[in-house]
Amino acid sequence: MLVDNTAFILALEKLAISARGSSSFTVNFKRWDGHQKPKPREGKPPLPQPKEYLCLMRAQMKSKKLSTIVKQVDVPKMMSMYAQFMKSNMDGLKRVKKVKSKTKAVKG
């Protein structure tokens, strides 16, 4: 489902809260040229080059999918909103315990 930038962050927060206990979710970033058609075959004229590239952000949890398109001028604002989301919602990560090998323990 394609939503605007602020609605994407809000829906992403809801996704993170629902995924906190038992599942996970993924977020992808992709440079997008704005074309929704496939590249033409050889011998046909190519699609025009875009004046500016866009950023396509996708989030997925199980069967729920979200996406938004970010313009170049909105990228810094969107990245700051995404960073704030990451800081506030990624507190449930488990710390990995490092296991010392016996050879290191004997040497040092």
PDB file of N, CA and C in Angstrom:
ATOM      1  N   MET A   1       0.848  -1.160   0.000  1.00  0.00           N
ATOM      2  CA  MET A   1       0.000   0.000   0.000  1.00  0.00           C
ATOM      3  C   MET A   1       0.900   1.231   0.000  1.00  0.00           C
ATOM      4  N   LEU A   2       0.718   2.111  -0.947  1.00  0.00           N
ATOM      5  CA  LEU A   2       1.510   3.317  -1.094  1.00  0.00           C
ATOM      6  C   LEU A   2       0.895   4.429  -0.249  1.00  0.00           C
ATOM      7  N   VAL A   3       1.708   4.981   0.682  1.00  0.00           N
ATOM      8  CA  VAL A   3       1.246   6.051   1.560  1.00  0.00           C
ATOM      9  C   VAL A   3       2.233   7.211   1.503  1.00  0.00           C
ATOM     10  N   ASP A   4       1.862   8.350   2.087  1.00  0.00           N
ATOM     11  CA  ASP A   4       2.792   9.475   2.112  1.00  0.00           C
ATOM     12  C   ASP A   4       3.844   9.261   3.214  1.00  0.00           C
ATOM     13  N   ASN A   5       4.829  10.138   3.296  1.00  0.00           N
ATOM     14  CA  ASN A   5       5.993   9.912   4.144  1.00  0.00           C
ATOM     15  C   ASN A   5       5.670   9.850   5.635  1.00  0.00           C
ATOM     16  N   THR A   6       4.886  10.777   6.136  1.00  0.00           N
ATOM     17  CA  THR A   6       4.579  10.771   7.570  1.00  0.00           C
ATOM     18  C   THR A   6       3.683   9.586   7.935  1.00  0.00           C
ATOM     19  N   ALA A   7       2.744   9.256   7.062  1.00  0.00           N
ATOM     20  CA  ALA A   7       1.885   8.095   7.317  1.00  0.00           C
ATOM     21  C   ALA A   7       2.706   6.806   7.280  1.00  0.00           C
ATOM     22  N   PHE A   8       3.759   6.782   6.463  1.00  0.00           N
ATOM     23  CA  PHE A   8       4.626   5.608   6.390  1.00  0.00           C
ATOM     24  C   PHE A   8       5.342   5.393   7.729  1.00  0.00           C
ATOM     25  N   ILE A   9       5.880   6.469   8.308  1.00  0.00           N
ATOM     26  CA  ILE A   9       6.578   6.347   9.593  1.00  0.00           C
ATOM     27  C   ILE A   9       5.615   5.930  10.694  1.00  0.00           C
ATOM     28  N   LEU A  10       4.420   6.494  10.707  1.00  0.00           N
ATOM     29  CA  LEU A  10       3.428   6.119  11.716  1.00  0.00           C
ATOM     30  C   LEU A  10       3.015   4.651  11.568  1.00  0.00           C
ATOM     31  N   ALA A  11       2.799   4.215  10.340  1.00  0.00           N
ATOM     32  CA  ALA A  11       2.434   2.811  10.113  1.00  0.00           C
ATOM     33  C   ALA A  11       3.600   1.894  10.432  1.00  0.00           C
ATOM     34  N   LEU A  12       4.827   2.382  10.206  1.00  0.00           N
ATOM     35  CA  LEU A  12       6.014   1.594  10.530  1.00  0.00           C
ATOM     36  C   LEU A  12       6.145   1.400  12.035  1.00  0.00           C
ATOM     37  N   GLU A  13       5.775   2.412  12.810  1.00  0.00           N
ATOM     38  CA  GLU A  13       5.779   2.282  14.267  1.00  0.00           C
ATOM     39  C   GLU A  13       4.765   1.246  14.727  1.00  0.00           C
ATOM     40  N   LYS A  14       3.584   1.256  14.126  1.00  0.00           N
ATOM     41  CA  LYS A  14       2.577   0.246  14.463  1.00  0.00           C
ATOM     42  C   LYS A  14       3.062  -1.146  14.092  1.00  0.00           C
ATOM     43  N   LEU A  15       3.741  -1.264  12.964  1.00  0.00           N
ATOM     44  CA  LEU A  15       4.298  -2.540  12.525  1.00  0.00           C
ATOM     45  C   LEU A  15       5.339  -3.031  13.526  1.00  0.00           C
ATOM     46  N   ALA A  16       6.188  -2.127  13.994  1.00  0.00           N
ATOM     47  CA  ALA A  16       7.242  -2.496  14.942  1.00  0.00           C
ATOM     48  C   ALA A  16       6.655  -2.943  16.271  1.00  0.00           C
ATOM     49  N   ILE A  17       5.611  -2.269  16.711  1.00  0.00           N
ATOM     50  CA  ILE A  17       4.975  -2.654  17.976  1.00  0.00           C
ATOM     51  C   ILE A  17       4.329  -4.026  17.857  1.00  0.00           C
ATOM     52  N   SER A  18       3.668  -4.291  16.745  1.00  0.00           N
ATOM     53  CA  SER A  18       3.026  -5.599  16.574  1.00  0.00           C
ATOM     54  C   SER A  18       4.047  -6.709  16.358  1.00  0.00           C
ATOM     55  N   ALA A  19       5.232  -6.379  15.838  1.00  0.00           N
ATOM     56  CA  ALA A  19       6.256  -7.390  15.593  1.00  0.00           C
ATOM     57  C   ALA A  19       7.176  -7.592  16.782  1.00  0.00           C
ATOM     58  N   ARG A  20       7.034  -6.787  17.815  1.00  0.00           N
ATOM     59  CA  ARG A  20       7.968  -6.808  18.936  1.00  0.00           C
ATOM     60  C   ARG A  20       8.069  -8.165  19.617  1.00  0.00           C
ATOM     61  N   GLY A  21       6.954  -8.833  19.803  1.00  0.00           N
ATOM     62  CA  GLY A  21       6.990 -10.064  20.569  1.00  0.00           C
ATOM     63  C   GLY A  21       7.429 -11.293  19.809  1.00  0.00           C
ATOM     64  N   SER A  22       6.841 -11.527  18.644  1.00  0.00           N
ATOM     65  CA  SER A  22       7.029 -12.836  18.042  1.00  0.00           C
ATOM     66  C   SER A  22       7.609 -12.846  16.638  1.00  0.00           C
ATOM     67  N   SER A  23       7.571 -11.752  15.930  1.00  0.00           N
ATOM     68  CA  SER A  23       8.016 -11.802  14.538  1.00  0.00           C
ATOM     69  C   SER A  23       8.984 -10.661  14.241  1.00  0.00           C
ATOM     70  N   SER A  24       9.330 -10.510  12.981  1.00  0.00           N
ATOM     71  CA  SER A  24      10.254  -9.455  12.578  1.00  0.00           C
ATOM     72  C   SER A  24       9.692  -8.750  11.344  1.00  0.00           C
ATOM     73  N   PHE A  25      10.316  -7.633  10.991  1.00  0.00           N
ATOM     74  CA  PHE A  25       9.914  -6.922   9.799  1.00  0.00           C
ATOM     75  C   PHE A  25      11.165  -6.404   9.104  1.00  0.00           C
ATOM     76  N   THR A  26      11.020  -6.121   7.821  1.00  0.00           N
ATOM     77  CA  THR A  26      12.158  -5.635   7.045  1.00  0.00           C
ATOM     78  C   THR A  26      11.815  -4.290   6.420  1.00  0.00           C
ATOM     79  N   VAL A  27      12.849  -3.465   6.247  1.00  0.00           N
ATOM     80  CA  VAL A  27      12.707  -2.177   5.583  1.00  0.00           C
ATOM     81  C   VAL A  27      13.758  -2.124   4.485  1.00  0.00           C
ATOM     82  N   ASN A  28      13.355  -1.773   3.276  1.00  0.00           N
ATOM     83  CA  ASN A  28      14.253  -1.688   2.123  1.00  0.00           C
ATOM     84  C   ASN A  28      14.235  -0.276   1.562  1.00  0.00           C
ATOM     85  N   PHE A  29      15.399   0.156   1.084  1.00  0.00           N
ATOM     86  CA  PHE A  29      15.534   1.438   0.394  1.00  0.00           C
ATOM     87  C   PHE A  29      16.027   1.146  -1.014  1.00  0.00           C
ATOM     88  N   LYS A  30      15.464   1.837  -1.996  1.00  0.00           N
ATOM     89  CA  LYS A  30      15.855   1.593  -3.375  1.00  0.00           C
ATOM     90  C   LYS A  30      15.780   2.898  -4.162  1.00  0.00           C
ATOM     91  N   ARG A  31      16.788   3.138  -4.992  1.00  0.00           N
ATOM     92  CA  ARG A  31      16.735   4.286  -5.891  1.00  0.00           C
ATOM     93  C   ARG A  31      15.755   3.959  -6.998  1.00  0.00           C
ATOM     94  N   TRP A  32      14.839   4.863  -7.247  1.00  0.00           N
ATOM     95  CA  TRP A  32      13.766   4.620  -8.203  1.00  0.00           C
ATOM     96  C   TRP A  32      13.736   5.741  -9.223  1.00  0.00           C
ATOM     97  N   ASP A  33      13.639   5.380 -10.485  1.00  0.00           N
ATOM     98  CA  ASP A  33      13.668   6.397 -11.536  1.00  0.00           C
ATOM     99  C   ASP A  33      12.281   6.891 -11.933  1.00  0.00           C
ATOM    100  N   GLY A  34      11.246   6.370 -11.338  1.00  0.00           N
ATOM    101  CA  GLY A  34       9.893   6.836 -11.616  1.00  0.00           C
ATOM    102  C   GLY A  34       9.187   6.094 -12.732  1.00  0.00           C
ATOM    103  N   HIS A  35       9.879   5.189 -13.411  1.00  0.00           N
ATOM    104  CA  HIS A  35       9.258   4.430 -14.487  1.00  0.00           C
ATOM    105  C   HIS A  35       8.545   3.208 -13.916  1.00  0.00           C
ATOM    106  N   GLN A  36       7.333   3.002 -14.386  1.00  0.00           N
ATOM    107  CA  GLN A  36       6.597   1.823 -13.970  1.00  0.00           C
ATOM    108  C   GLN A  36       6.472   0.816 -15.100  1.00  0.00           C
ATOM    109  N   LYS A  37       7.150   1.094 -16.207  1.00  0.00           N
ATOM    110  CA  LYS A  37       7.147   0.194 -17.350  1.00  0.00           C
ATOM    111  C   LYS A  37       8.483  -0.552 -17.391  1.00  0.00           C
ATOM    112  N   PRO A  38       8.510  -1.755 -17.935  1.00  0.00           N
ATOM    113  CA  PRO A  38       9.790  -2.453 -18.084  1.00  0.00           C
ATOM    114  C   PRO A  38      10.652  -1.791 -19.156  1.00  0.00           C
ATOM    115  N   LYS A  39      11.950  -2.104 -19.138  1.00  0.00           N
ATOM    116  CA  LYS A  39      12.856  -1.559 -20.149  1.00  0.00           C
ATOM    117  C   LYS A  39      12.470  -2.129 -21.513  1.00  0.00           C
ATOM    118  N   PRO A  40      12.444  -1.287 -22.559  1.00  0.00           N
ATOM    119  CA  PRO A  40      12.059  -1.778 -23.886  1.00  0.00           C
ATOM    120  C   PRO A  40      13.126  -2.690 -24.482  1.00  0.00           C
ATOM    121  N   ARG A  41      12.698  -3.513 -25.407  1.00  0.00           N
ATOM    122  CA  ARG A  41      13.606  -4.442 -26.080  1.00  0.00           C
ATOM    123  C   ARG A  41      14.544  -3.693 -27.008  1.00  0.00           C
ATOM    124  N   GLU A  42      15.537  -4.442 -27.530  1.00  0.00           N
ATOM    125  CA  GLU A  42      16.489  -3.841 -28.467  1.00  0.00           C
ATOM    126  C   GLU A  42      15.760  -3.355 -29.713  1.00  0.00           C
ATOM    127  N   GLY A  43      16.221  -2.223 -30.259  1.00  0.00           N
ATOM    128  CA  GLY A  43      15.626  -1.682 -31.464  1.00  0.00           C
ATOM    129  C   GLY A  43      14.533  -0.667 -31.194  1.00  0.00           C
ATOM    130  N   LYS A  44      13.991  -0.648 -29.983  1.00  0.00           N
ATOM    131  CA  LYS A  44      12.962   0.325 -29.633  1.00  0.00           C
ATOM    132  C   LYS A  44      13.608   1.458 -28.844  1.00  0.00           C
ATOM    133  N   PRO A  45      13.050   2.642 -28.882  1.00  0.00           N
ATOM    134  CA  PRO A  45      13.668   3.764 -28.162  1.00  0.00           C
ATOM    135  C   PRO A  45      13.645   3.527 -26.649  1.00  0.00           C
ATOM    136  N   PRO A  46      14.733   3.874 -25.964  1.00  0.00           N
ATOM    137  CA  PRO A  46      14.777   3.657 -24.516  1.00  0.00           C
ATOM    138  C   PRO A  46      13.885   4.647 -23.771  1.00  0.00           C
ATOM    139  N   LEU A  47      13.599   4.319 -22.533  1.00  0.00           N
ATOM    140  CA  LEU A  47      12.805   5.216 -21.703  1.00  0.00           C
ATOM    141  C   LEU A  47      13.627   6.466 -21.394  1.00  0.00           C
ATOM    142  N   PRO A  48      13.000   7.610 -21.269  1.00  0.00           N
ATOM    143  CA  PRO A  48      13.761   8.835 -20.994  1.00  0.00           C
ATOM    144  C   PRO A  48      14.407   8.802 -19.606  1.00  0.00           C
ATOM    145  N   GLN A  49      15.580   9.432 -19.491  1.00  0.00           N
ATOM    146  CA  GLN A  49      16.262   9.507 -18.203  1.00  0.00           C
ATOM    147  C   GLN A  49      15.511  10.483 -17.295  1.00  0.00           C
ATOM    148  N   PRO A  50      15.389  10.166 -16.015  1.00  0.00           N
ATOM    149  CA  PRO A  50      14.668  11.064 -15.115  1.00  0.00           C
ATOM    150  C   PRO A  50      15.501  12.315 -14.797  1.00  0.00           C
ATOM    151  N   LYS A  51      14.812  13.410 -14.506  1.00  0.00           N
ATOM    152  CA  LYS A  51      15.508  14.629 -14.115  1.00  0.00           C
ATOM    153  C   LYS A  51      16.084  14.490 -12.713  1.00  0.00           C
ATOM    154  N   GLU A  52      15.374  13.796 -11.857  1.00  0.00           N
ATOM    155  CA  GLU A  52      15.878  13.495 -10.514  1.00  0.00           C
ATOM    156  C   GLU A  52      15.368  12.121 -10.095  1.00  0.00           C
ATOM    157  N   TYR A  53      16.210  11.387  -9.389  1.00  0.00           N
ATOM    158  CA  TYR A  53      15.825  10.067  -8.910  1.00  0.00           C
ATOM    159  C   TYR A  53      15.038  10.198  -7.616  1.00  0.00           C
ATOM    160  N   LEU A  54      14.221   9.221  -7.366  1.00  0.00           N
ATOM    161  CA  LEU A  54      13.420   9.168  -6.153  1.00  0.00           C
ATOM    162  C   LEU A  54      13.905   8.010  -5.293  1.00  0.00           C
ATOM    163  N   CYS A  55      13.514   8.003  -4.029  1.00  0.00           N
ATOM    164  CA  CYS A  55      13.858   6.917  -3.117  1.00  0.00           C
ATOM    165  C   CYS A  55      12.579   6.161  -2.791  1.00  0.00           C
ATOM    166  N   LEU A  56      12.585   4.877  -3.035  1.00  0.00           N
ATOM    167  CA  LEU A  56      11.441   4.023  -2.741  1.00  0.00           C
ATOM    168  C   LEU A  56      11.742   3.285  -1.446  1.00  0.00           C
ATOM    169  N   MET A  57      10.909   3.496  -0.442  1.00  0.00           N
ATOM    170  CA  MET A  57      11.072   2.813   0.852  1.00  0.00           C
ATOM    171  C   MET A  57       9.952   1.796   0.991  1.00  0.00           C
ATOM    172  N   ARG A  58      10.340   0.581   1.332  1.00  0.00           N
ATOM    173  CA  ARG A  58       9.366  -0.497   1.507  1.00  0.00           C
ATOM    174  C   ARG A  58       9.541  -1.125   2.882  1.00  0.00           C
ATOM    175  N   ALA A  59       8.443  -1.515   3.477  1.00  0.00           N
ATOM    176  CA  ALA A  59       8.457  -2.251   4.739  1.00  0.00           C
ATOM    177  C   ALA A  59       7.525  -3.446   4.596  1.00  0.00           C
ATOM    178  N   GLN A  60       7.922  -4.562   5.212  1.00  0.00           N
ATOM    179  CA  GLN A  60       7.110  -5.768   5.098  1.00  0.00           C
ATOM    180  C   GLN A  60       7.177  -6.549   6.402  1.00  0.00           C
ATOM    181  N   MET A  61       6.022  -7.004   6.848  1.00  0.00           N
ATOM    182  CA  MET A  61       5.922  -7.924   7.979  1.00  0.00           C
ATOM    183  C   MET A  61       4.861  -8.949   7.629  1.00  0.00           C
ATOM    184  N   LYS A  62       5.285 -10.200   7.520  1.00  0.00           N
ATOM    185  CA  LYS A  62       4.397 -11.279   7.103  1.00  0.00           C
ATOM    186  C   LYS A  62       3.696 -10.886   5.804  1.00  0.00           C
ATOM    187  N   SER A  63       2.385 -10.673   5.819  1.00  0.00           N
ATOM    188  CA  SER A  63       1.672 -10.326   4.589  1.00  0.00           C
ATOM    189  C   SER A  63       1.359  -8.837   4.497  1.00  0.00           C
ATOM    190  N   LYS A  64       1.730  -8.063   5.511  1.00  0.00           N
ATOM    191  CA  LYS A  64       1.491  -6.624   5.481  1.00  0.00           C
ATOM    192  C   LYS A  64       2.636  -5.933   4.752  1.00  0.00           C
ATOM    193  N   LYS A  65       2.303  -5.088   3.793  1.00  0.00           N
ATOM    194  CA  LYS A  65       3.316  -4.373   3.021  1.00  0.00           C
ATOM    195  C   LYS A  65       2.994  -2.889   3.007  1.00  0.00           C
ATOM    196  N   LEU A  66       4.041  -2.083   3.158  1.00  0.00           N
ATOM    197  CA  LEU A  66       3.928  -0.633   3.106  1.00  0.00           C
ATOM    198  C   LEU A  66       4.983  -0.094   2.164  1.00  0.00           C
ATOM    199  N   SER A  67       4.709   1.029   1.533  1.00  0.00           N
ATOM    200  CA  SER A  67       5.730   1.665   0.711  1.00  0.00           C
ATOM    201  C   SER A  67       5.443   3.153   0.614  1.00  0.00           C
ATOM    202  N   THR A  68       6.499   3.908   0.372  1.00  0.00           N
ATOM    203  CA  THR A  68       6.398   5.337   0.146  1.00  0.00           C
ATOM    204  C   THR A  68       7.483   5.757  -0.825  1.00  0.00           C
ATOM    205  N   ILE A  69       7.241   6.870  -1.498  1.00  0.00           N
ATOM    206  CA  ILE A  69       8.207   7.422  -2.443  1.00  0.00           C
ATOM    207  C   ILE A  69       8.666   8.762  -1.887  1.00  0.00           C
ATOM    208  N   VAL A  70       9.987   8.908  -1.755  1.00  0.00           N
ATOM    209  CA  VAL A  70      10.565  10.108  -1.167  1.00  0.00           C
ATOM    210  C   VAL A  70      11.291  10.881  -2.260  1.00  0.00           C
ATOM    211  N   LYS A  71      10.979  12.164  -2.387  1.00  0.00           N
ATOM    212  CA  LYS A  71      11.670  13.017  -3.353  1.00  0.00           C
ATOM    213  C   LYS A  71      13.034  13.418  -2.792  1.00  0.00           C
ATOM    214  N   GLN A  72      13.926  13.888  -3.666  1.00  0.00           N
ATOM    215  CA  GLN A  72      15.282  14.234  -3.249  1.00  0.00           C
ATOM    216  C   GLN A  72      15.297  15.331  -2.196  1.00  0.00           C
ATOM    217  N   VAL A  73      14.431  16.305  -2.317  1.00  0.00           N
ATOM    218  CA  VAL A  73      14.433  17.403  -1.353  1.00  0.00           C
ATOM    219  C   VAL A  73      13.923  16.960   0.010  1.00  0.00           C
ATOM    220  N   ASP A  74      13.137  15.875   0.065  1.00  0.00           N
ATOM    221  CA  ASP A  74      12.575  15.387   1.317  1.00  0.00           C
ATOM    222  C   ASP A  74      13.414  14.309   1.980  1.00  0.00           C
ATOM    223  N   VAL A  75      14.495  13.880   1.334  1.00  0.00           N
ATOM    224  CA  VAL A  75      15.294  12.778   1.877  1.00  0.00           C
ATOM    225  C   VAL A  75      15.887  13.101   3.252  1.00  0.00           C
ATOM    226  N   PRO A  76      16.517  14.280   3.481  1.00  0.00           N
ATOM    227  CA  PRO A  76      17.062  14.534   4.827  1.00  0.00           C
ATOM    228  C   PRO A  76      16.002  14.522   5.926  1.00  0.00           C
ATOM    229  N   LYS A  77      14.839  15.097   5.639  1.00  0.00           N
ATOM    230  CA  LYS A  77      13.752  15.102   6.627  1.00  0.00           C
ATOM    231  C   LYS A  77      13.269  13.680   6.907  1.00  0.00           C
ATOM    232  N   MET A  78      13.110  12.902   5.848  1.00  0.00           N
ATOM    233  CA  MET A  78      12.626  11.524   6.002  1.00  0.00           C
ATOM    234  C   MET A  78      13.641  10.665   6.742  1.00  0.00           C
ATOM    235  N   MET A  79      14.932  10.851   6.454  1.00  0.00           N
ATOM    236  CA  MET A  79      15.955  10.072   7.142  1.00  0.00           C
ATOM    237  C   MET A  79      16.032  10.431   8.625  1.00  0.00           C
ATOM    238  N   SER A  80      15.805  11.693   8.966  1.00  0.00           N
ATOM    239  CA  SER A  80      15.795  12.066  10.379  1.00  0.00           C
ATOM    240  C   SER A  80      14.580  11.467  11.087  1.00  0.00           C
ATOM    241  N   MET A  81      13.429  11.420  10.396  1.00  0.00           N
ATOM    242  CA  MET A  81      12.246  10.781  10.983  1.00  0.00           C
ATOM    243  C   MET A  81      12.476   9.281  11.133  1.00  0.00           C
ATOM    244  N   TYR A  82      13.132   8.670  10.159  1.00  0.00           N
ATOM    245  CA  TYR A  82      13.424   7.233  10.228  1.00  0.00           C
ATOM    246  C   TYR A  82      14.429   6.935  11.337  1.00  0.00           C
ATOM    247  N   ALA A  83      15.437   7.816  11.502  1.00  0.00           N
ATOM    248  CA  ALA A  83      16.418   7.627  12.576  1.00  0.00           C
ATOM    249  C   ALA A  83      15.754   7.747  13.940  1.00  0.00           C
ATOM    250  N   GLN A  84      14.833   8.686  14.078  1.00  0.00           N
ATOM    251  CA  GLN A  84      14.103   8.834  15.341  1.00  0.00           C
ATOM    252  C   GLN A  84      13.260   7.593  15.604  1.00  0.00           C
ATOM    253  N   PHE A  85      12.649   7.049  14.568  1.00  0.00           N
ATOM    254  CA  PHE A  85      11.883   5.807  14.708  1.00  0.00           C
ATOM    255  C   PHE A  85      12.773   4.660  15.178  1.00  0.00           C
ATOM    256  N   MET A  86      13.956   4.550  14.558  1.00  0.00           N
ATOM    257  CA  MET A  86      14.872   3.467  14.931  1.00  0.00           C
ATOM    258  C   MET A  86      15.320   3.598  16.385  1.00  0.00           C
ATOM    259  N   LYS A  87      15.614   4.811  16.819  1.00  0.00           N
ATOM    260  CA  LYS A  87      16.065   5.024  18.202  1.00  0.00           C
ATOM    261  C   LYS A  87      14.965   4.695  19.201  1.00  0.00           C
ATOM    262  N   SER A  88      13.746   5.027  18.869  1.00  0.00           N
ATOM    263  CA  SER A  88      12.654   4.834  19.822  1.00  0.00           C
ATOM    264  C   SER A  88      12.113   3.408  19.851  1.00  0.00           C
ATOM    265  N   ASN A  89      12.206   2.681  18.740  1.00  0.00           N
ATOM    266  CA  ASN A  89      11.555   1.370  18.678  1.00  0.00           C
ATOM    267  C   ASN A  89      12.495   0.172  18.659  1.00  0.00           C
ATOM    268  N   MET A  90      13.761   0.376  18.537  1.00  0.00           N
ATOM    269  CA  MET A  90      14.668  -0.758  18.455  1.00  0.00           C
ATOM    270  C   MET A  90      15.390  -0.992  19.778  1.00  0.00           C
ATOM    271  N   ASP A  91      14.652  -0.883  20.878  1.00  0.00           N
ATOM    272  CA  ASP A  91      15.255  -1.101  22.185  1.00  0.00           C
ATOM    273  C   ASP A  91      15.162  -2.554  22.634  1.00  0.00           C
ATOM    274  N   GLY A  92      14.473  -3.385  21.891  1.00  0.00           N
ATOM    275  CA  GLY A  92      14.296  -4.776  22.283  1.00  0.00           C
ATOM    276  C   GLY A  92      15.341  -5.720  21.709  1.00  0.00           C
ATOM    277  N   LEU A  93      16.416  -5.178  21.162  1.00  0.00           N
ATOM    278  CA  LEU A  93      17.440  -6.040  20.594  1.00  0.00           C
ATOM    279  C   LEU A  93      18.207  -6.745  21.704  1.00  0.00           C
ATOM    280  N   LYS A  94      18.507  -7.997  21.501  1.00  0.00           N
ATOM    281  CA  LYS A  94      19.227  -8.770  22.510  1.00  0.00           C
ATOM    282  C   LYS A  94      20.723  -8.654  22.285  1.00  0.00           C
ATOM    283  N   ARG A  95      21.453  -8.550  23.354  1.00  0.00           N
ATOM    284  CA  ARG A  95      22.901  -8.459  23.283  1.00  0.00           C
ATOM    285  C   ARG A  95      23.477  -9.859  23.078  1.00  0.00           C
ATOM    286  N   VAL A  96      24.389  -9.969  22.146  1.00  0.00           N
ATOM    287  CA  VAL A  96      25.024 -11.243  21.853  1.00  0.00           C
ATOM    288  C   VAL A  96      26.194 -11.429  22.820  1.00  0.00           C
ATOM    289  N   LYS A  97      26.201 -12.562  23.494  1.00  0.00           N
ATOM    290  CA  LYS A  97      27.293 -12.845  24.421  1.00  0.00           C
ATOM    291  C   LYS A  97      28.464 -13.419  23.646  1.00  0.00           C
ATOM    292  N   LYS A  98      29.631 -12.836  23.879  1.00  0.00           N
ATOM    293  CA  LYS A  98      30.831 -13.304  23.195  1.00  0.00           C
ATOM    294  C   LYS A  98      31.405 -14.482  23.977  1.00  0.00           C
ATOM    295  N   VAL A  99      31.740 -15.523  23.255  1.00  0.00           N
ATOM    296  CA  VAL A  99      32.313 -16.716  23.863  1.00  0.00           C
ATOM    297  C   VAL A  99      33.809 -16.708  23.587  1.00  0.00           C
ATOM    298  N   LYS A 100      34.592 -16.719  24.637  1.00  0.00           N
ATOM    299  CA  LYS A 100      36.044 -16.753  24.475  1.00  0.00           C
ATOM    300  C   LYS A 100      36.471 -18.185  24.179  1.00  0.00           C
ATOM    301  N   SER A 101      37.325 -18.308  23.219  1.00  0.00           N
ATOM    302  CA  SER A 101      37.818 -19.649  22.915  1.00  0.00           C
ATOM    303  C   SER A 101      38.893 -20.024  23.924  1.00  0.00           C
ATOM    304  N   LYS A 102      39.130 -21.299  24.073  1.00  0.00           N
ATOM    305  CA  LYS A 102      40.084 -21.775  25.078  1.00  0.00           C
ATOM    306  C   LYS A 102      41.513 -21.365  24.729  1.00  0.00           C
ATOM    307  N   THR A 103      41.837 -21.262  23.453  1.00  0.00           N
ATOM    308  CA  THR A 103      43.194 -20.877  23.093  1.00  0.00           C
ATOM    309  C   THR A 103      43.488 -19.440  23.472  1.00  0.00           C
ATOM    310  N   LYS A 104      42.515 -18.557  23.328  1.00  0.00           N
ATOM    311  CA  LYS A 104      42.713 -17.168  23.735  1.00  0.00           C
ATOM    312  C   LYS A 104      42.807 -17.050  25.250  1.00  0.00           C
ATOM    313  N   ALA A 105      42.017 -17.854  25.959  1.00  0.00           N
ATOM    314  CA  ALA A 105      42.041 -17.803  27.415  1.00  0.00           C
ATOM    315  C   ALA A 105      43.389 -18.298  27.958  1.00  0.00           C
ATOM    316  N   VAL A 106      43.974 -19.294  27.331  1.00  0.00           N
ATOM    317  CA  VAL A 106      45.246 -19.833  27.779  1.00  0.00           C
ATOM    318  C   VAL A 106      46.384 -18.841  27.479  1.00  0.00           C
ATOM    319  N   LYS A 107      46.366 -18.220  26.319  1.00  0.00           N
ATOM    320  CA  LYS A 107      47.418 -17.288  25.933  1.00  0.00           C
ATOM    321  C   LYS A 107      47.400 -15.997  26.742  1.00  0.00           C
ATOM    322  N   GLY A 108      46.258 -15.479  26.993  1.00  0.00           N
ATOM    323  CA  GLY A 108      46.229 -14.151  27.549  1.00  0.00           C
ATOM    324  C   GLY A 108      45.551 -14.058  28.823  1.00  0.00           C
TER     325      GLY A 108
END
